[in-house]
Amino acid sequence: LEAERERADKLSRDRKAARDAERQLRREEEARGREQRQKERHDRKCKFEEECRAREALLQQERQQKLRALEDGHHSLLALSSMKEMVQQHAQRLEQHVSQAAARAGVRNHQC
């Protein structure tokens, strides 16, 4: 009877140890799963941040190109304005020369 009780106690202890070991394994698996999910979240976050930096760099590059194009356009407008002024001055001088030449030649009310 004593031996049977000892075997029952041992069986009970073995079952409890098996349940404890199973619970421990489950906790470890859950922890590994949690760590894996955290790593995956971290990796996704890093990838997203990297993509954001790449997009920002591309936008910055596009902004710089547009700014350069605007500056080039502005410089072109300034050059055209300067050329227009020179052409107008040249036209005025030509008109004066024509008027003076016409006056010397005795032509009145000359129109081009």
C-alpha atoms as a PDB file:
ATOM      1  CA  LEU A   1       0.000   0.000   0.000  1.00  0.00           C
ATOM      2  CA  GLU A   2       2.865   2.358   0.880  1.00  0.00           C
ATOM      3  CA  ALA A   3       4.648   1.513  -2.357  1.00  0.00           C
ATOM      4  CA  GLU A   4       1.461   2.185  -4.303  1.00  0.00           C
ATOM      5  CA  ARG A   5       1.072   5.572  -2.642  1.00  0.00           C
ATOM      6  CA  GLU A   6       4.680   6.414  -3.463  1.00  0.00           C
ATOM      7  CA  ARG A   7       4.143   5.404  -7.089  1.00  0.00           C
ATOM      8  CA  ALA A   8       0.984   7.570  -7.197  1.00  0.00           C
ATOM      9  CA  ASP A   9       2.871  10.499  -5.622  1.00  0.00           C
ATOM     10  CA  LYS A  10       5.731  10.006  -8.094  1.00  0.00           C
ATOM     11  CA  LEU A  11       3.262   9.833 -10.980  1.00  0.00           C
ATOM     12  CA  SER A  12       1.587  12.999  -9.708  1.00  0.00           C
ATOM     13  CA  ARG A  13       4.950  14.758  -9.379  1.00  0.00           C
ATOM     14  CA  ASP A  14       5.953  13.569 -12.872  1.00  0.00           C
ATOM     15  CA  ARG A  15       2.672  14.845 -14.329  1.00  0.00           C
ATOM     16  CA  LYS A  16       3.099  18.180 -12.556  1.00  0.00           C
ATOM     17  CA  ALA A  17       6.689  18.425 -13.816  1.00  0.00           C
ATOM     18  CA  ALA A  18       5.488  17.602 -17.344  1.00  0.00           C
ATOM     19  CA  ARG A  19       2.753  20.301 -17.106  1.00  0.00           C
ATOM     20  CA  ASP A  20       5.296  22.787 -15.738  1.00  0.00           C
ATOM     21  CA  ALA A  21       7.744  21.943 -18.525  1.00  0.00           C
ATOM     22  CA  GLU A  22       4.953  22.280 -21.115  1.00  0.00           C
ATOM     23  CA  ARG A  23       3.930  25.681 -19.671  1.00  0.00           C
ATOM     24  CA  GLN A  24       7.557  26.791 -19.734  1.00  0.00           C
ATOM     25  CA  LEU A  25       7.906  25.695 -23.369  1.00  0.00           C
ATOM     26  CA  ARG A  26       4.701  27.560 -24.262  1.00  0.00           C
ATOM     27  CA  ARG A  27       5.975  30.710 -22.513  1.00  0.00           C
ATOM     28  CA  GLU A  28       9.284  30.439 -24.369  1.00  0.00           C
ATOM     29  CA  GLU A  29       7.480  29.928 -27.691  1.00  0.00           C
ATOM     30  CA  GLU A  30       5.238  32.920 -26.968  1.00  0.00           C
ATOM     31  CA  ALA A  31       8.294  34.991 -26.056  1.00  0.00           C
ATOM     32  CA  ARG A  32      10.044  33.910 -29.282  1.00  0.00           C
ATOM     33  CA  GLY A  33       6.887  34.753 -31.238  1.00  0.00           C
ATOM     34  CA  ARG A  34       6.658  38.132 -29.522  1.00  0.00           C
ATOM     35  CA  GLU A  35      10.320  38.832 -30.221  1.00  0.00           C
ATOM     36  CA  GLN A  36       9.858  37.754 -33.855  1.00  0.00           C
ATOM     37  CA  ARG A  37       6.830  40.053 -34.257  1.00  0.00           C
ATOM     38  CA  GLN A  38       8.738  42.907 -32.611  1.00  0.00           C
ATOM     39  CA  LYS A  39      11.670  42.307 -34.961  1.00  0.00           C
ATOM     40  CA  GLU A  40       9.328  42.232 -37.960  1.00  0.00           C
ATOM     41  CA  ARG A  41       7.670  45.486 -36.813  1.00  0.00           C
ATOM     42  CA  HIS A  42      11.083  47.049 -36.296  1.00  0.00           C
ATOM     43  CA  ASP A  43      12.236  45.901 -39.753  1.00  0.00           C
ATOM     44  CA  ARG A  44       9.062  47.281 -41.385  1.00  0.00           C
ATOM     45  CA  LYS A  45       9.504  50.580 -39.545  1.00  0.00           C
ATOM     46  CA  CYS A  46      13.160  50.834 -40.658  1.00  0.00           C
ATOM     47  CA  LYS A  47      12.205  50.024 -44.246  1.00  0.00           C
ATOM     48  CA  PHE A  48       9.422  52.645 -44.164  1.00  0.00           C
ATOM     49  CA  GLU A  49      11.801  55.270 -42.742  1.00  0.00           C
ATOM     50  CA  GLU A  50      14.380  54.417 -45.399  1.00  0.00           C
ATOM     51  CA  GLU A  51      11.737  54.774 -48.128  1.00  0.00           C
ATOM     52  CA  CYS A  52      10.665  58.109 -46.623  1.00  0.00           C
ATOM     53  CA  ARG A  53      14.253  59.365 -46.652  1.00  0.00           C
ATOM     54  CA  ALA A  54      14.646  58.259 -50.275  1.00  0.00           C
ATOM     55  CA  ARG A  55      11.394  60.025 -51.266  1.00  0.00           C
ATOM     56  CA  GLU A  56      12.450  63.159 -49.388  1.00  0.00           C
ATOM     57  CA  ALA A  57      15.834  63.133 -51.136  1.00  0.00           C
ATOM     58  CA  LEU A  58      14.104  62.761 -54.503  1.00  0.00           C
ATOM     59  CA  LEU A  59      11.706  65.619 -53.695  1.00  0.00           C
ATOM     60  CA  GLN A  60      14.626  67.774 -52.585  1.00  0.00           C
ATOM     61  CA  GLN A  61      16.437  67.004 -55.837  1.00  0.00           C
ATOM     62  CA  GLU A  62      13.305  67.904 -57.842  1.00  0.00           C
ATOM     63  CA  ARG A  63      12.930  71.151 -55.882  1.00  0.00           C
ATOM     64  CA  GLN A  64      16.556  72.036 -56.622  1.00  0.00           C
ATOM     65  CA  GLN A  65      16.052  71.321 -60.329  1.00  0.00           C
ATOM     66  CA  LYS A  66      12.907  73.468 -60.429  1.00  0.00           C
ATOM     67  CA  LEU A  67      14.672  76.259 -58.568  1.00  0.00           C
ATOM     68  CA  ARG A  68      17.573  76.142 -61.035  1.00  0.00           C
ATOM     69  CA  ALA A  69      15.102  76.182 -63.934  1.00  0.00           C
ATOM     70  CA  LEU A  70      13.353  79.212 -62.421  1.00  0.00           C
ATOM     71  CA  GLU A  71      16.677  80.969 -61.920  1.00  0.00           C
ATOM     72  CA  ASP A  72      17.701  80.141 -65.494  1.00  0.00           C
ATOM     73  CA  GLY A  73      14.354  81.437 -66.725  1.00  0.00           C
ATOM     74  CA  HIS A  74      14.762  84.598 -64.676  1.00  0.00           C
ATOM     75  CA  HIS A  75      18.238  85.151 -66.094  1.00  0.00           C
ATOM     76  CA  SER A  76      16.875  84.561 -69.598  1.00  0.00           C
ATOM     77  CA  LEU A  77      14.113  87.111 -68.985  1.00  0.00           C
ATOM     78  CA  LEU A  78      16.654  89.632 -67.719  1.00  0.00           C
ATOM     79  CA  ALA A  79      18.803  89.039 -70.798  1.00  0.00           C
ATOM     80  CA  LEU A  80      15.793  89.404 -73.110  1.00  0.00           C
ATOM     81  CA  SER A  81      14.730  92.577 -71.326  1.00  0.00           C
ATOM     82  CA  SER A  82      18.225  93.972 -71.722  1.00  0.00           C
ATOM     83  CA  MET A  83      18.270  93.018 -75.411  1.00  0.00           C
ATOM     84  CA  LYS A  84      14.833  94.608 -75.904  1.00  0.00           C
ATOM     85  CA  GLU A  85      16.102  97.828 -74.360  1.00  0.00           C
ATOM     86  CA  MET A  86      19.190  97.775 -76.596  1.00  0.00           C
ATOM     87  CA  VAL A  87      17.022  97.160 -79.681  1.00  0.00           C
ATOM     88  CA  GLN A  88      14.698 100.027 -78.703  1.00  0.00           C
ATOM     89  CA  GLN A  89      17.666 102.362 -78.216  1.00  0.00           C
ATOM     90  CA  HIS A  90      19.116 101.253 -81.543  1.00  0.00           C
ATOM     91  CA  ALA A  91      15.735 101.849 -83.236  1.00  0.00           C
ATOM     92  CA  GLN A  92      15.568 105.348 -81.727  1.00  0.00           C
ATOM     93  CA  ARG A  93      19.073 106.119 -82.995  1.00  0.00           C
ATOM     94  CA  LEU A  94      18.147 104.830 -86.438  1.00  0.00           C
ATOM     95  CA  GLU A  95      15.019 106.996 -86.435  1.00  0.00           C
ATOM     96  CA  GLN A  96      17.164 109.997 -85.496  1.00  0.00           C
ATOM     97  CA  HIS A  97      19.662 109.208 -88.250  1.00  0.00           C
ATOM     98  CA  VAL A  98      16.866 108.784 -90.778  1.00  0.00           C
ATOM     99  CA  SER A  99      15.255 112.057 -89.671  1.00  0.00           C
ATOM    100  CA  GLN A 100      18.611 113.854 -89.828  1.00  0.00           C
ATOM    101  CA  ALA A 101      19.376 112.371 -93.236  1.00  0.00           C
ATOM    102  CA  ALA A 102      15.922 113.302 -94.485  1.00  0.00           C
ATOM    103  CA  ALA A 103      16.344 116.839 -93.149  1.00  0.00           C
ATOM    104  CA  ARG A 104      19.699 117.126 -94.924  1.00  0.00           C
ATOM    105  CA  ALA A 105      18.110 115.824 -98.092  1.00  0.00           C
ATOM    106  CA  GLY A 106      15.213 118.238 -97.712  1.00  0.00           C
ATOM    107  CA  VAL A 107      12.506 115.612 -97.276  1.00  0.00           C
ATOM    108  CA  ARG A 108       9.701 116.536 -94.922  1.00  0.00           C
ATOM    109  CA  ASN A 109       7.305 114.252 -92.978  1.00  0.00           C
ATOM    110  CA  HIS A 110       9.396 111.170 -93.771  1.00  0.00           C
ATOM    111  CA  GLN A 111       7.828 107.996 -92.470  1.00  0.00           C
ATOM    112  CA  CYS A 112       9.309 104.502 -92.476  1.00  0.00           C
END
